[in-house]
Amino acid sequence: MRLDDWCEQARRDAALRGLPDLDPLLDMLFRATRALRAADWAREAPADPAEGAAGPGAADDKRPSAPPEGRR
């Protein structure tokens, strides 16, 4: 579903449910989502999700995955 279609459907749904105060919030969410999707950094996302926001080598992190015994 395209963002424009989703926003229009959400607005209609809010109107049918008698929630007019939701319209400005939906508009704000729509504009923010559109801006985030248009941002330059969104086009540069790594093809490998393992690299994610932490960057390459993040999987080599040597920190323990759980606290030491007795500190839980």
PDB file of N, CA and C in Angstrom:
ATOM      1  N   MET A   1       0.844  -1.170   0.000  1.00  0.00           N
ATOM      2  CA  MET A   1       0.000   0.000   0.000  1.00  0.00           C
ATOM      3  C   MET A   1       0.897   1.244   0.000  1.00  0.00           C
ATOM      4  N   ARG A   2       0.565   2.183  -0.843  1.00  0.00           N
ATOM      5  CA  ARG A   2       1.325   3.432  -0.904  1.00  0.00           C
ATOM      6  C   ARG A   2       1.000   4.297   0.310  1.00  0.00           C
ATOM      7  N   LEU A   3       1.943   5.138   0.683  1.00  0.00           N
ATOM      8  CA  LEU A   3       1.776   6.003   1.847  1.00  0.00           C
ATOM      9  C   LEU A   3       0.569   6.924   1.690  1.00  0.00           C
ATOM     10  N   ASP A   4       0.393   7.504   0.504  1.00  0.00           N
ATOM     11  CA  ASP A   4      -0.751   8.391   0.267  1.00  0.00           C
ATOM     12  C   ASP A   4      -2.070   7.656   0.484  1.00  0.00           C
ATOM     13  N   ASP A   5      -2.145   6.435  -0.034  1.00  0.00           N
ATOM     14  CA  ASP A   5      -3.365   5.637   0.117  1.00  0.00           C
ATOM     15  C   ASP A   5      -3.620   5.299   1.581  1.00  0.00           C
ATOM     16  N   TRP A   6      -2.553   4.923   2.287  1.00  0.00           N
ATOM     17  CA  TRP A   6      -2.704   4.588   3.702  1.00  0.00           C
ATOM     18  C   TRP A   6      -3.227   5.780   4.493  1.00  0.00           C
ATOM     19  N   CYS A   7      -2.649   6.951   4.237  1.00  0.00           N
ATOM     20  CA  CYS A   7      -3.042   8.148   4.975  1.00  0.00           C
ATOM     21  C   CYS A   7      -4.508   8.490   4.711  1.00  0.00           C
ATOM     22  N   GLU A   8      -4.916   8.422   3.458  1.00  0.00           N
ATOM     23  CA  GLU A   8      -6.310   8.728   3.117  1.00  0.00           C
ATOM     24  C   GLU A   8      -7.260   7.739   3.792  1.00  0.00           C
ATOM     25  N   GLN A   9      -6.904   6.464   3.773  1.00  0.00           N
ATOM     26  CA  GLN A   9      -7.738   5.447   4.420  1.00  0.00           C
ATOM     27  C   GLN A   9      -7.798   5.671   5.930  1.00  0.00           C
ATOM     28  N   ALA A  10      -6.678   6.007   6.540  1.00  0.00           N
ATOM     29  CA  ALA A  10      -6.652   6.253   7.984  1.00  0.00           C
ATOM     30  C   ALA A  10      -7.516   7.460   8.344  1.00  0.00           C
ATOM     31  N   ARG A  11      -7.482   8.499   7.514  1.00  0.00           N
ATOM     32  CA  ARG A  11      -8.316   9.682   7.765  1.00  0.00           C
ATOM     33  C   ARG A  11      -9.798   9.344   7.650  1.00  0.00           C
ATOM     34  N   ARG A  12     -10.149   8.571   6.623  1.00  0.00           N
ATOM     35  CA  ARG A  12     -11.555   8.168   6.472  1.00  0.00           C
ATOM     36  C   ARG A  12     -12.003   7.320   7.653  1.00  0.00           C
ATOM     37  N   ASP A  13     -11.151   6.405   8.077  1.00  0.00           N
ATOM     38  CA  ASP A  13     -11.480   5.537   9.205  1.00  0.00           C
ATOM     39  C   ASP A  13     -11.678   6.356  10.481  1.00  0.00           C
ATOM     40  N   ALA A  14     -10.794   7.321  10.714  1.00  0.00           N
ATOM     41  CA  ALA A  14     -10.921   8.173  11.903  1.00  0.00           C
ATOM     42  C   ALA A  14     -12.216   8.975  11.854  1.00  0.00           C
ATOM     43  N   ALA A  15     -12.577   9.481  10.676  1.00  0.00           N
ATOM     44  CA  ALA A  15     -13.821  10.250  10.541  1.00  0.00           C
ATOM     45  C   ALA A  15     -15.033   9.364  10.805  1.00  0.00           C
ATOM     46  N   LEU A  16     -15.018   8.145  10.270  1.00  0.00           N
ATOM     47  CA  LEU A  16     -16.133   7.221  10.489  1.00  0.00           C
ATOM     48  C   LEU A  16     -16.275   6.842  11.960  1.00  0.00           C
ATOM     49  N   ARG A  17     -15.176   6.804  12.670  1.00  0.00           N
ATOM     50  CA  ARG A  17     -15.206   6.447  14.090  1.00  0.00           C
ATOM     51  C   ARG A  17     -15.470   7.649  14.991  1.00  0.00           C
ATOM     52  N   GLY A  18     -15.626   8.817  14.375  1.00  0.00           N
ATOM     53  CA  GLY A  18     -15.897  10.018  15.165  1.00  0.00           C
ATOM     54  C   GLY A  18     -14.683  10.512  15.928  1.00  0.00           C
ATOM     55  N   LEU A  19     -13.513  10.417  15.315  1.00  0.00           N
ATOM     56  CA  LEU A  19     -12.270  10.832  15.962  1.00  0.00           C
ATOM     57  C   LEU A  19     -11.617  11.983  15.181  1.00  0.00           C
ATOM     58  N   PRO A  20     -12.240  13.155  15.154  1.00  0.00           N
ATOM     59  CA  PRO A  20     -11.694  14.266  14.371  1.00  0.00           C
ATOM     60  C   PRO A  20     -10.348  14.767  14.893  1.00  0.00           C
ATOM     61  N   ASP A  21     -10.068  14.578  16.175  1.00  0.00           N
ATOM     62  CA  ASP A  21      -8.790  15.030  16.741  1.00  0.00           C
ATOM     63  C   ASP A  21      -7.607  14.220  16.205  1.00  0.00           C
ATOM     64  N   LEU A  22      -7.890  13.095  15.598  1.00  0.00           N
ATOM     65  CA  LEU A  22      -6.829  12.253  15.057  1.00  0.00           C
ATOM     66  C   LEU A  22      -6.273  12.798  13.741  1.00  0.00           C
ATOM     67  N   ASP A  23      -7.055  13.600  13.030  1.00  0.00           N
ATOM     68  CA  ASP A  23      -6.641  14.096  11.715  1.00  0.00           C
ATOM     69  C   ASP A  23      -5.314  14.855  11.739  1.00  0.00           C
ATOM     70  N   PRO A  24      -5.094  15.816  12.651  1.00  0.00           N
ATOM     71  CA  PRO A  24      -3.800  16.505  12.654  1.00  0.00           C
ATOM     72  C   PRO A  24      -2.634  15.573  12.998  1.00  0.00           C
ATOM     73  N   LEU A  25      -2.887  14.583  13.836  1.00  0.00           N
ATOM     74  CA  LEU A  25      -1.830  13.626  14.174  1.00  0.00           C
ATOM     75  C   LEU A  25      -1.483  12.748  12.974  1.00  0.00           C
ATOM     76  N   LEU A  26      -2.501  12.327  12.238  1.00  0.00           N
ATOM     77  CA  LEU A  26      -2.255  11.538  11.037  1.00  0.00           C
ATOM     78  C   LEU A  26      -1.501  12.355   9.997  1.00  0.00           C
ATOM     79  N   ASP A  27      -1.850  13.632   9.885  1.00  0.00           N
ATOM     80  CA  ASP A  27      -1.150  14.505   8.946  1.00  0.00           C
ATOM     81  C   ASP A  27       0.322  14.642   9.336  1.00  0.00           C
ATOM     82  N   MET A  28       0.578  14.817  10.624  1.00  0.00           N
ATOM     83  CA  MET A  28       1.957  14.935  11.101  1.00  0.00           C
ATOM     84  C   MET A  28       2.728  13.634  10.836  1.00  0.00           C
ATOM     85  N   LEU A  29       2.106  12.502  11.100  1.00  0.00           N
ATOM     86  CA  LEU A  29       2.739  11.208  10.844  1.00  0.00           C
ATOM     87  C   LEU A  29       3.019  11.031   9.353  1.00  0.00           C
ATOM     88  N   PHE A  30       2.071  11.419   8.516  1.00  0.00           N
ATOM     89  CA  PHE A  30       2.241  11.320   7.072  1.00  0.00           C
ATOM     90  C   PHE A  30       3.426  12.156   6.603  1.00  0.00           C
ATOM     91  N   ARG A  31       3.493  13.415   7.043  1.00  0.00           N
ATOM     92  CA  ARG A  31       4.580  14.302   6.622  1.00  0.00           C
ATOM     93  C   ARG A  31       5.937  13.805   7.125  1.00  0.00           C
ATOM     94  N   ALA A  32       5.980  13.328   8.365  1.00  0.00           N
ATOM     95  CA  ALA A  32       7.239  12.828   8.927  1.00  0.00           C
ATOM     96  C   ALA A  32       7.706  11.570   8.193  1.00  0.00           C
ATOM     97  N   THR A  33       6.786  10.670   7.913  1.00  0.00           N
ATOM     98  CA  THR A  33       7.136   9.440   7.204  1.00  0.00           C
ATOM     99  C   THR A  33       7.627   9.751   5.798  1.00  0.00           C
ATOM    100  N   ARG A  34       6.947  10.661   5.122  1.00  0.00           N
ATOM    101  CA  ARG A  34       7.357  11.055   3.772  1.00  0.00           C
ATOM    102  C   ARG A  34       8.761  11.670   3.799  1.00  0.00           C
ATOM    103  N   ALA A  35       9.032  12.522   4.791  1.00  0.00           N
ATOM    104  CA  ALA A  35      10.354  13.151   4.900  1.00  0.00           C
ATOM    105  C   ALA A  35      11.436  12.113   5.190  1.00  0.00           C
ATOM    106  N   LEU A  36      11.150  11.164   6.069  1.00  0.00           N
ATOM    107  CA  LEU A  36      12.134  10.122   6.384  1.00  0.00           C
ATOM    108  C   LEU A  36      12.429   9.250   5.173  1.00  0.00           C
ATOM    109  N   ARG A  37      11.399   8.916   4.424  1.00  0.00           N
ATOM    110  CA  ARG A  37      11.603   8.081   3.238  1.00  0.00           C
ATOM    111  C   ARG A  37      12.367   8.819   2.146  1.00  0.00           C
ATOM    112  N   ALA A  38      12.258  10.134   2.118  1.00  0.00           N
ATOM    113  CA  ALA A  38      12.938  10.932   1.091  1.00  0.00           C
ATOM    114  C   ALA A  38      14.367  11.295   1.484  1.00  0.00           C
ATOM    115  N   ALA A  39      14.747  11.064   2.726  1.00  0.00           N
ATOM    116  CA  ALA A  39      16.076  11.455   3.212  1.00  0.00           C
ATOM    117  C   ALA A  39      17.176  10.705   2.468  1.00  0.00           C
ATOM    118  N   ASP A  40      18.307  11.383   2.273  1.00  0.00           N
ATOM    119  CA  ASP A  40      19.440  10.782   1.566  1.00  0.00           C
ATOM    120  C   ASP A  40      19.936   9.514   2.247  1.00  0.00           C
ATOM    121  N   TRP A  41      20.001   9.517   3.569  1.00  0.00           N
ATOM    122  CA  TRP A  41      20.526   8.356   4.277  1.00  0.00           C
ATOM    123  C   TRP A  41      19.651   7.130   4.087  1.00  0.00           C
ATOM    124  N   ALA A  42      18.372   7.319   3.780  1.00  0.00           N
ATOM    125  CA  ALA A  42      17.483   6.176   3.582  1.00  0.00           C
ATOM    126  C   ALA A  42      17.862   5.405   2.322  1.00  0.00           C
ATOM    127  N   ARG A  43      18.452   6.073   1.355  1.00  0.00           N
ATOM    128  CA  ARG A  43      18.858   5.418   0.112  1.00  0.00           C
ATOM    129  C   ARG A  43      20.193   4.698   0.266  1.00  0.00           C
ATOM    130  N   GLU A  44      20.923   4.989   1.331  1.00  0.00           N
ATOM    131  CA  GLU A  44      22.248   4.420   1.524  1.00  0.00           C
ATOM    132  C   GLU A  44      22.253   3.272   2.527  1.00  0.00           C
ATOM    133  N   ALA A  45      21.100   2.719   2.816  1.00  0.00           N
ATOM    134  CA  ALA A  45      21.024   1.624   3.777  1.00  0.00           C
ATOM    135  C   ALA A  45      21.820   0.435   3.250  1.00  0.00           C
ATOM    136  N   PRO A  46      22.527  -0.278   4.130  1.00  0.00           N
ATOM    137  CA  PRO A  46      23.331  -1.411   3.673  1.00  0.00           C
ATOM    138  C   PRO A  46      22.451  -2.535   3.139  1.00  0.00           C
ATOM    139  N   ALA A  47      22.942  -3.225   2.136  1.00  0.00           N
ATOM    140  CA  ALA A  47      22.209  -4.353   1.576  1.00  0.00           C
ATOM    141  C   ALA A  47      22.161  -5.501   2.572  1.00  0.00           C
ATOM    142  N   ASP A  48      23.186  -5.589   3.431  1.00  0.00           N
ATOM    143  CA  ASP A  48      23.260  -6.648   4.428  1.00  0.00           C
ATOM    144  C   ASP A  48      22.723  -6.124   5.750  1.00  0.00           C
ATOM    145  N   PRO A  49      21.539  -6.580   6.190  1.00  0.00           N
ATOM    146  CA  PRO A  49      20.966  -6.079   7.443  1.00  0.00           C
ATOM    147  C   PRO A  49      21.861  -6.315   8.652  1.00  0.00           C
ATOM    148  N   ALA A  50      22.787  -7.271   8.570  1.00  0.00           N
ATOM    149  CA  ALA A  50      23.686  -7.535   9.692  1.00  0.00           C
ATOM    150  C   ALA A  50      24.590  -6.338   9.958  1.00  0.00           C
ATOM    151  N   GLU A  51      24.834  -5.524   8.922  1.00  0.00           N
ATOM    152  CA  GLU A  51      25.662  -4.334   9.110  1.00  0.00           C
ATOM    153  C   GLU A  51      24.871  -3.230   9.784  1.00  0.00           C
ATOM    154  N   GLY A  52      23.589  -3.132   9.532  1.00  0.00           N
ATOM    155  CA  GLY A  52      22.679  -2.204  10.195  1.00  0.00           C
ATOM    156  C   GLY A  52      23.267  -0.888  10.620  1.00  0.00           C
ATOM    157  N   ALA A  53      22.683  -0.282  11.633  1.00  0.00           N
ATOM    158  CA  ALA A  53      23.109   1.029  12.112  1.00  0.00           C
ATOM    159  C   ALA A  53      24.450   0.948  12.835  1.00  0.00           C
ATOM    160  N   ALA A  54      24.793  -0.226  13.365  1.00  0.00           N
ATOM    161  CA  ALA A  54      26.040  -0.357  14.108  1.00  0.00           C
ATOM    162  C   ALA A  54      27.245  -0.377  13.177  1.00  0.00           C
ATOM    163  N   GLY A  55      27.025  -0.667  11.913  1.00  0.00           N
ATOM    164  CA  GLY A  55      28.107  -0.649  10.938  1.00  0.00           C
ATOM    165  C   GLY A  55      28.822  -1.980  10.845  1.00  0.00           C
ATOM    166  N   PRO A  56      29.752  -2.062   9.903  1.00  0.00           N
ATOM    167  CA  PRO A  56      30.493  -3.309   9.716  1.00  0.00           C
ATOM    168  C   PRO A  56      31.278  -3.673  10.970  1.00  0.00           C
ATOM    169  N   GLY A  57      31.365  -4.943  11.234  1.00  0.00           N
ATOM    170  CA  GLY A  57      32.143  -5.397  12.376  1.00  0.00           C
ATOM    171  C   GLY A  57      31.372  -5.417  13.680  1.00  0.00           C
ATOM    172  N   ALA A  58      30.140  -4.960  13.671  1.00  0.00           N
ATOM    173  CA  ALA A  58      29.362  -4.927  14.908  1.00  0.00           C
ATOM    174  C   ALA A  58      29.141  -6.331  15.452  1.00  0.00           C
ATOM    175  N   ALA A  59      29.114  -7.306  14.562  1.00  0.00           N
ATOM    176  CA  ALA A  59      28.924  -8.686  15.001  1.00  0.00           C
ATOM    177  C   ALA A  59      30.137  -9.192  15.770  1.00  0.00           C
ATOM    178  N   ASP A  60      31.290  -8.512  15.636  1.00  0.00           N
ATOM    179  CA  ASP A  60      32.507  -8.911  16.335  1.00  0.00           C
ATOM    180  C   ASP A  60      32.567  -8.356  17.755  1.00  0.00           C
ATOM    181  N   ASP A  61      31.525  -7.741  18.217  1.00  0.00           N
ATOM    182  CA  ASP A  61      31.481  -7.150  19.547  1.00  0.00           C
ATOM    183  C   ASP A  61      31.759  -8.238  20.577  1.00  0.00           C
ATOM    184  N   LYS A  62      32.711  -8.013  21.460  1.00  0.00           N
ATOM    185  CA  LYS A  62      33.133  -9.030  22.425  1.00  0.00           C
ATOM    186  C   LYS A  62      32.408  -8.929  23.767  1.00  0.00           C
ATOM    187  N   ARG A  63      31.469  -7.989  23.891  1.00  0.00           N
ATOM    188  CA  ARG A  63      30.740  -7.882  25.155  1.00  0.00           C
ATOM    189  C   ARG A  63      29.858  -9.108  25.354  1.00  0.00           C
ATOM    190  N   PRO A  64      29.689  -9.545  26.598  1.00  0.00           N
ATOM    191  CA  PRO A  64      28.817 -10.695  26.843  1.00  0.00           C
ATOM    192  C   PRO A  64      27.370 -10.336  26.529  1.00  0.00           C
ATOM    193  N   SER A  65      26.622 -11.318  26.063  1.00  0.00           N
ATOM    194  CA  SER A  65      25.234 -11.068  25.709  1.00  0.00           C
ATOM    195  C   SER A  65      24.323 -11.058  26.935  1.00  0.00           C
ATOM    196  N   ALA A  66      24.796 -11.570  28.054  1.00  0.00           N
ATOM    197  CA  ALA A  66      24.000 -11.579  29.283  1.00  0.00           C
ATOM    198  C   ALA A  66      24.889 -11.124  30.433  1.00  0.00           C
ATOM    199  N   PRO A  67      24.297 -10.573  31.483  1.00  0.00           N
ATOM    200  CA  PRO A  67      25.113 -10.157  32.623  1.00  0.00           C
ATOM    201  C   PRO A  67      25.756 -11.372  33.290  1.00  0.00           C
ATOM    202  N   PRO A  68      26.897 -11.164  33.957  1.00  0.00           N
ATOM    203  CA  PRO A  68      27.549 -12.277  34.653  1.00  0.00           C
ATOM    204  C   PRO A  68      26.612 -12.897  35.687  1.00  0.00           C
ATOM    205  N   GLU A  69      26.843 -14.151  35.969  1.00  0.00           N
ATOM    206  CA  GLU A  69      26.021 -14.867  36.948  1.00  0.00           C
ATOM    207  C   GLU A  69      26.009 -14.122  38.273  1.00  0.00           C
ATOM    208  N   GLY A  70      24.861 -14.039  38.911  1.00  0.00           N
ATOM    209  CA  GLY A  70      24.743 -13.358  40.194  1.00  0.00           C
ATOM    210  C   GLY A  70      24.378 -11.888  40.059  1.00  0.00           C
ATOM    211  N   ARG A  71      24.324 -11.355  38.847  1.00  0.00           N
ATOM    212  CA  ARG A  71      23.980  -9.942  38.643  1.00  0.00           C
ATOM    213  C   ARG A  71      22.654  -9.799  37.918  1.00  0.00           C
ATOM    214  N   ARG A  72      21.866 -10.802  37.896  1.00  0.00           N
ATOM    215  CA  ARG A  72      20.604 -10.751  37.157  1.00  0.00           C
ATOM    216  C   ARG A  72      19.527 -10.176  37.954  1.00  0.00           C
TER     217      ARG A  72
END
